Amino acid sequence: MPKRQILCISFDRAVSENRCSSLEDAGYDVTAVTNIQDGLELLNRQRFDAVILGHRFSAEEKYLLAVDAKEKMDTPVLLVCGATSDSEIPATRRVYALEGNTGLLSELSEMLAAAARPKAAA
């Protein structure tokens, strides 16, 4: 079974390296960038199973990426939230930064499992 492709977009390079290391240890293939524009360009060139979006970007940047990923590529987005829930961002799931990599891995696993389930007929 091929590894799941994850795009990790985090403002802070040290946080990104730590997050990516945990994701790789869990069996994911991770591509990391530190700005929204690079993330958007990658999403337009390559298919990812999920996007993990860090909380330190502006609400406008997070919104733009989340909408692009979901509407154009139907890619689920896991938003790492800071002190607020970022409720205006149309993410598939949310996890708080304080939950650390354990919370991130748990949410990502649940999100990918839900995305793989067949959609119920309307």
N, C-alpha and C. Protein backbone atom coordinates (compact mmCIF):
# COMPACT_ATOMS: atom_id res chain seq x y z
N MET A 1 0.84 -1.18 0.00
CA MET A 1 0.00 0.00 0.00
C MET A 1 0.89 1.25 0.00
N PRO A 2 0.66 2.16 -0.94
CA PRO A 2 1.50 3.36 -0.99
C PRO A 2 1.26 4.27 0.22
N LYS A 3 2.28 5.00 0.57
CA LYS A 3 2.16 5.92 1.70
C LYS A 3 1.22 7.06 1.34
N ARG A 4 0.49 7.53 2.34
CA ARG A 4 -0.39 8.69 2.16
C ARG A 4 0.47 9.94 2.01
N GLN A 5 0.09 10.78 1.05
CA GLN A 5 0.82 12.01 0.76
C GLN A 5 0.21 13.17 1.55
N ILE A 6 1.00 13.79 2.40
CA ILE A 6 0.53 14.88 3.25
C ILE A 6 1.30 16.15 2.91
N LEU A 7 0.57 17.25 2.74
CA LEU A 7 1.19 18.57 2.57
C LEU A 7 1.07 19.27 3.91
N CYS A 8 2.21 19.65 4.46
CA CYS A 8 2.27 20.30 5.77
C CYS A 8 2.72 21.75 5.56
N ILE A 9 1.86 22.69 5.92
CA ILE A 9 2.17 24.11 5.74
C ILE A 9 2.23 24.74 7.12
N SER A 10 3.43 25.13 7.52
CA SER A 10 3.64 25.71 8.84
C SER A 10 4.54 26.93 8.73
N PHE A 11 4.18 27.98 9.42
CA PHE A 11 4.91 29.25 9.40
C PHE A 11 6.32 29.11 9.99
N ASP A 12 6.44 28.29 10.99
CA ASP A 12 7.68 28.15 11.75
C ASP A 12 8.43 26.90 11.29
N ARG A 13 9.66 27.08 10.81
CA ARG A 13 10.44 25.96 10.27
C ARG A 13 10.72 24.89 11.33
N ALA A 14 11.02 25.28 12.56
CA ALA A 14 11.30 24.29 13.62
C ALA A 14 10.05 23.46 13.94
N VAL A 15 8.91 24.12 14.01
CA VAL A 15 7.64 23.41 14.25
C VAL A 15 7.38 22.45 13.10
N SER A 16 7.61 22.93 11.89
CA SER A 16 7.39 22.12 10.70
C SER A 16 8.27 20.87 10.71
N GLU A 17 9.54 21.03 11.04
CA GLU A 17 10.45 19.89 11.08
C GLU A 17 10.01 18.86 12.12
N ASN A 18 9.59 19.34 13.29
CA ASN A 18 9.13 18.45 14.34
C ASN A 18 7.87 17.72 13.91
N ARG A 19 6.92 18.47 13.35
CA ARG A 19 5.65 17.89 12.89
C ARG A 19 5.91 16.86 11.79
N CYS A 20 6.76 17.22 10.83
CA CYS A 20 7.05 16.31 9.72
C CYS A 20 7.73 15.03 10.19
N SER A 21 8.62 15.16 11.14
CA SER A 21 9.30 13.99 11.68
C SER A 21 8.29 13.01 12.30
N SER A 22 7.36 13.54 13.07
CA SER A 22 6.33 12.69 13.68
C SER A 22 5.45 12.04 12.63
N LEU A 23 5.09 12.80 11.59
CA LEU A 23 4.26 12.26 10.51
C LEU A 23 5.00 11.17 9.74
N GLU A 24 6.27 11.39 9.45
CA GLU A 24 7.06 10.39 8.73
C GLU A 24 7.24 9.13 9.57
N ASP A 25 7.46 9.31 10.88
CA ASP A 25 7.58 8.16 11.78
C ASP A 25 6.29 7.34 11.80
N ALA A 26 5.16 8.01 11.58
CA ALA A 26 3.86 7.33 11.57
C ALA A 26 3.54 6.72 10.21
N GLY A 27 4.45 6.87 9.23
CA GLY A 27 4.27 6.22 7.94
C GLY A 27 3.75 7.08 6.81
N TYR A 28 3.68 8.39 7.02
CA TYR A 28 3.21 9.28 5.97
C TYR A 28 4.38 9.80 5.14
N ASP A 29 4.12 10.14 3.90
CA ASP A 29 5.09 10.81 3.04
C ASP A 29 4.73 12.29 3.10
N VAL A 30 5.63 13.12 3.60
CA VAL A 30 5.32 14.52 3.90
C VAL A 30 6.11 15.48 3.02
N THR A 31 5.39 16.46 2.49
CA THR A 31 6.01 17.59 1.80
C THR A 31 5.72 18.81 2.66
N ALA A 32 6.75 19.57 3.01
CA ALA A 32 6.58 20.71 3.90
C ALA A 32 6.96 22.01 3.20
N VAL A 33 6.15 23.03 3.46
CA VAL A 33 6.45 24.39 3.00
C VAL A 33 6.15 25.35 4.15
N THR A 34 6.69 26.55 4.06
CA THR A 34 6.52 27.51 5.14
C THR A 34 5.72 28.74 4.73
N ASN A 35 5.05 28.69 3.56
CA ASN A 35 4.16 29.80 3.22
C ASN A 35 2.99 29.30 2.38
N ILE A 36 1.93 30.05 2.42
CA ILE A 36 0.68 29.67 1.77
C ILE A 36 0.84 29.60 0.26
N GLN A 37 1.54 30.56 -0.34
CA GLN A 37 1.68 30.58 -1.80
C GLN A 37 2.34 29.30 -2.32
N ASP A 38 3.41 28.85 -1.65
CA ASP A 38 4.06 27.60 -2.06
C ASP A 38 3.09 26.43 -1.90
N GLY A 39 2.29 26.45 -0.84
CA GLY A 39 1.31 25.40 -0.64
C GLY A 39 0.27 25.36 -1.75
N LEU A 40 -0.22 26.53 -2.15
CA LEU A 40 -1.20 26.60 -3.24
C LEU A 40 -0.61 26.09 -4.55
N GLU A 41 0.64 26.46 -4.82
CA GLU A 41 1.30 26.00 -6.05
C GLU A 41 1.45 24.48 -6.06
N LEU A 42 1.85 23.91 -4.93
CA LEU A 42 1.98 22.46 -4.84
C LEU A 42 0.63 21.77 -5.02
N LEU A 43 -0.41 22.31 -4.42
CA LEU A 43 -1.74 21.72 -4.55
C LEU A 43 -2.23 21.73 -6.00
N ASN A 44 -1.80 22.71 -6.76
CA ASN A 44 -2.19 22.78 -8.16
C ASN A 44 -1.38 21.84 -9.05
N ARG A 45 -0.24 21.35 -8.56
CA ARG A 45 0.63 20.47 -9.36
C ARG A 45 0.59 19.02 -8.95
N GLN A 46 0.21 18.75 -7.72
CA GLN A 46 0.35 17.41 -7.16
C GLN A 46 -0.87 17.06 -6.33
N ARG A 47 -1.18 15.76 -6.27
CA ARG A 47 -2.30 15.32 -5.45
C ARG A 47 -1.80 14.95 -4.06
N PHE A 48 -2.51 15.43 -3.05
CA PHE A 48 -2.22 15.09 -1.67
C PHE A 48 -3.45 14.45 -1.04
N ASP A 49 -3.21 13.56 -0.10
CA ASP A 49 -4.32 12.93 0.61
C ASP A 49 -4.90 13.85 1.68
N ALA A 50 -4.07 14.78 2.17
CA ALA A 50 -4.53 15.74 3.18
C ALA A 50 -3.55 16.90 3.25
N VAL A 51 -4.07 18.00 3.78
CA VAL A 51 -3.26 19.19 4.05
C VAL A 51 -3.34 19.47 5.54
N ILE A 52 -2.20 19.71 6.15
CA ILE A 52 -2.15 20.17 7.54
C ILE A 52 -1.71 21.63 7.48
N LEU A 53 -2.55 22.50 8.00
CA LEU A 53 -2.31 23.94 7.90
C LEU A 53 -2.09 24.52 9.29
N GLY A 54 -0.93 25.13 9.50
CA GLY A 54 -0.58 25.72 10.78
C GLY A 54 -1.41 26.95 11.10
N HIS A 55 -1.42 27.33 12.38
CA HIS A 55 -2.29 28.40 12.85
C HIS A 55 -1.69 29.80 12.79
N ARG A 56 -0.45 29.95 12.44
CA ARG A 56 0.18 31.27 12.54
C ARG A 56 0.07 32.11 11.27
N PHE A 57 -0.73 31.69 10.33
CA PHE A 57 -0.98 32.49 9.14
C PHE A 57 -2.19 33.38 9.39
N SER A 58 -2.36 34.38 8.55
CA SER A 58 -3.54 35.24 8.69
C SER A 58 -4.80 34.44 8.37
N ALA A 59 -5.92 34.88 8.92
CA ALA A 59 -7.19 34.21 8.65
C ALA A 59 -7.48 34.20 7.14
N GLU A 60 -7.15 35.28 6.47
CA GLU A 60 -7.39 35.37 5.02
C GLU A 60 -6.58 34.32 4.27
N GLU A 61 -5.31 34.14 4.63
CA GLU A 61 -4.46 33.14 3.97
C GLU A 61 -4.98 31.73 4.23
N LYS A 62 -5.33 31.44 5.48
CA LYS A 62 -5.84 30.11 5.82
C LYS A 62 -7.15 29.83 5.09
N TYR A 63 -8.01 30.83 5.02
CA TYR A 63 -9.29 30.66 4.33
C TYR A 63 -9.06 30.35 2.85
N LEU A 64 -8.19 31.14 2.21
CA LEU A 64 -7.89 30.95 0.79
C LEU A 64 -7.40 29.53 0.52
N LEU A 65 -6.46 29.06 1.32
CA LEU A 65 -5.91 27.73 1.10
C LEU A 65 -6.94 26.64 1.37
N ALA A 66 -7.69 26.78 2.45
CA ALA A 66 -8.68 25.76 2.79
C ALA A 66 -9.75 25.64 1.71
N VAL A 67 -10.20 26.76 1.20
CA VAL A 67 -11.22 26.74 0.13
C VAL A 67 -10.64 26.12 -1.13
N ASP A 68 -9.43 26.53 -1.50
CA ASP A 68 -8.79 25.99 -2.70
C ASP A 68 -8.62 24.48 -2.60
N ALA A 69 -8.10 24.02 -1.47
CA ALA A 69 -7.85 22.59 -1.29
C ALA A 69 -9.15 21.79 -1.34
N LYS A 70 -10.16 22.27 -0.68
CA LYS A 70 -11.42 21.52 -0.58
C LYS A 70 -12.22 21.59 -1.87
N GLU A 71 -12.37 22.80 -2.42
CA GLU A 71 -13.25 22.96 -3.58
C GLU A 71 -12.61 22.53 -4.89
N LYS A 72 -11.36 22.85 -5.11
CA LYS A 72 -10.71 22.52 -6.38
C LYS A 72 -10.17 21.10 -6.39
N MET A 73 -9.59 20.66 -5.30
CA MET A 73 -8.92 19.37 -5.28
C MET A 73 -9.62 18.34 -4.41
N ASP A 74 -10.66 18.73 -3.70
CA ASP A 74 -11.37 17.87 -2.76
C ASP A 74 -10.41 17.20 -1.78
N THR A 75 -9.45 17.99 -1.31
CA THR A 75 -8.44 17.52 -0.37
C THR A 75 -8.85 17.93 1.04
N PRO A 76 -8.95 16.99 1.97
CA PRO A 76 -9.31 17.36 3.34
C PRO A 76 -8.21 18.21 3.99
N VAL A 77 -8.64 19.16 4.81
CA VAL A 77 -7.73 20.09 5.47
C VAL A 77 -7.86 19.94 6.98
N LEU A 78 -6.73 19.71 7.63
CA LEU A 78 -6.66 19.67 9.09
C LEU A 78 -6.02 20.97 9.54
N LEU A 79 -6.78 21.79 10.23
CA LEU A 79 -6.30 23.09 10.68
C LEU A 79 -5.79 22.97 12.11
N VAL A 80 -4.54 23.34 12.32
CA VAL A 80 -3.97 23.39 13.65
C VAL A 80 -4.32 24.77 14.21
N CYS A 81 -5.12 24.80 15.26
CA CYS A 81 -5.60 26.05 15.83
C CYS A 81 -4.71 26.49 16.99
N GLY A 82 -4.64 27.80 17.17
CA GLY A 82 -3.92 28.36 18.30
C GLY A 82 -4.89 28.59 19.44
N ALA A 83 -4.97 29.83 19.89
CA ALA A 83 -5.84 30.16 21.03
C ALA A 83 -7.32 30.19 20.65
N THR A 84 -7.63 30.38 19.38
CA THR A 84 -9.02 30.42 18.94
C THR A 84 -9.30 29.23 18.03
N SER A 85 -10.55 28.98 17.76
CA SER A 85 -10.90 27.83 16.94
C SER A 85 -10.80 28.11 15.45
N ASP A 86 -10.56 29.37 15.05
CA ASP A 86 -10.53 29.73 13.63
C ASP A 86 -11.80 29.24 12.94
N SER A 87 -12.94 29.49 13.57
CA SER A 87 -14.21 28.95 13.08
C SER A 87 -14.59 29.43 11.69
N GLU A 88 -14.01 30.53 11.25
CA GLU A 88 -14.34 31.03 9.91
C GLU A 88 -13.60 30.28 8.80
N ILE A 89 -12.65 29.43 9.16
CA ILE A 89 -11.88 28.69 8.17
C ILE A 89 -12.60 27.37 7.88
N PRO A 90 -12.91 27.09 6.61
CA PRO A 90 -13.66 25.88 6.27
C PRO A 90 -12.79 24.62 6.25
N ALA A 91 -12.25 24.27 7.40
CA ALA A 91 -11.40 23.08 7.51
C ALA A 91 -12.26 21.84 7.68
N THR A 92 -11.72 20.70 7.28
CA THR A 92 -12.41 19.42 7.46
C THR A 92 -12.42 19.03 8.94
N ARG A 93 -11.28 19.23 9.59
CA ARG A 93 -11.14 18.95 11.03
C ARG A 93 -10.20 19.97 11.63
N ARG A 94 -10.22 20.06 12.96
CA ARG A 94 -9.36 20.99 13.68
C ARG A 94 -8.68 20.26 14.84
N VAL A 95 -7.48 20.71 15.15
CA VAL A 95 -6.76 20.21 16.32
C VAL A 95 -6.05 21.43 16.92
N TYR A 96 -5.97 21.49 18.23
CA TYR A 96 -5.30 22.61 18.87
C TYR A 96 -3.81 22.34 18.99
N ALA A 97 -3.01 23.36 18.79
CA ALA A 97 -1.55 23.24 18.83
C ALA A 97 -1.09 22.64 20.16
N LEU A 98 -1.79 22.97 21.24
CA LEU A 98 -1.40 22.46 22.55
C LEU A 98 -1.56 20.95 22.68
N GLU A 99 -2.32 20.34 21.78
CA GLU A 99 -2.49 18.88 21.81
C GLU A 99 -1.27 18.16 21.26
N GLY A 100 -0.35 18.92 20.67
CA GLY A 100 0.91 18.36 20.19
C GLY A 100 0.74 17.38 19.04
N ASN A 101 1.82 16.67 18.75
CA ASN A 101 1.83 15.75 17.61
C ASN A 101 0.94 14.53 17.82
N THR A 102 0.72 14.14 19.07
CA THR A 102 -0.17 13.00 19.33
C THR A 102 -1.59 13.34 18.90
N GLY A 103 -2.05 14.52 19.27
CA GLY A 103 -3.39 14.96 18.86
C GLY A 103 -3.47 15.14 17.36
N LEU A 104 -2.41 15.65 16.77
CA LEU A 104 -2.37 15.84 15.31
C LEU A 104 -2.49 14.51 14.58
N LEU A 105 -1.70 13.52 15.00
CA LEU A 105 -1.74 12.21 14.36
C LEU A 105 -3.10 11.54 14.52
N SER A 106 -3.70 11.68 15.67
CA SER A 106 -5.01 11.10 15.92
C SER A 106 -6.06 11.73 15.01
N GLU A 107 -6.09 13.05 14.95
CA GLU A 107 -7.05 13.76 14.09
C GLU A 107 -6.83 13.44 12.62
N LEU A 108 -5.57 13.39 12.19
CA LEU A 108 -5.26 13.08 10.80
C LEU A 108 -5.74 11.67 10.44
N SER A 109 -5.49 10.71 11.31
CA SER A 109 -5.92 9.34 11.08
C SER A 109 -7.44 9.26 10.95
N GLU A 110 -8.15 9.91 11.85
CA GLU A 110 -9.61 9.91 11.81
C GLU A 110 -10.13 10.61 10.56
N MET A 111 -9.49 11.71 10.18
CA MET A 111 -9.92 12.47 9.00
C MET A 111 -9.74 11.64 7.74
N LEU A 112 -8.61 10.98 7.60
CA LEU A 112 -8.36 10.16 6.41
C LEU A 112 -9.28 8.95 6.36
N ALA A 113 -9.57 8.35 7.51
CA ALA A 113 -10.50 7.22 7.56
C ALA A 113 -11.90 7.67 7.12
N ALA A 114 -12.33 8.83 7.59
CA ALA A 114 -13.64 9.34 7.21
C ALA A 114 -13.70 9.67 5.72
N ALA A 115 -12.61 10.21 5.19
CA ALA A 115 -12.57 10.55 3.76
C ALA A 115 -12.61 9.31 2.89
N ALA A 116 -12.11 8.19 3.40
CA ALA A 116 -12.06 6.95 2.62
C ALA A 116 -13.40 6.21 2.60
N ARG A 117 -14.27 6.53 3.57
CA ARG A 117 -15.58 5.86 3.62
C ARG A 117 -16.45 6.30 2.45
N PRO A 118 -17.23 5.39 1.90
CA PRO A 118 -18.14 5.77 0.82
C PRO A 118 -19.16 6.80 1.32
N LYS A 119 -19.46 7.75 0.47
CA LYS A 119 -20.44 8.78 0.81
C LYS A 119 -21.84 8.17 0.73
N ALA A 120 -22.69 8.53 1.65
CA ALA A 120 -24.08 8.05 1.65
C ALA A 120 -24.84 8.72 0.51
N ALA A 121 -25.72 7.98 -0.10
CA ALA A 121 -26.54 8.53 -1.19
C ALA A 121 -27.52 9.54 -0.62
N ALA A 122 -27.67 10.65 -1.34
CA ALA A 122 -28.56 11.72 -0.87
C ALA A 122 -30.00 11.41 -1.17
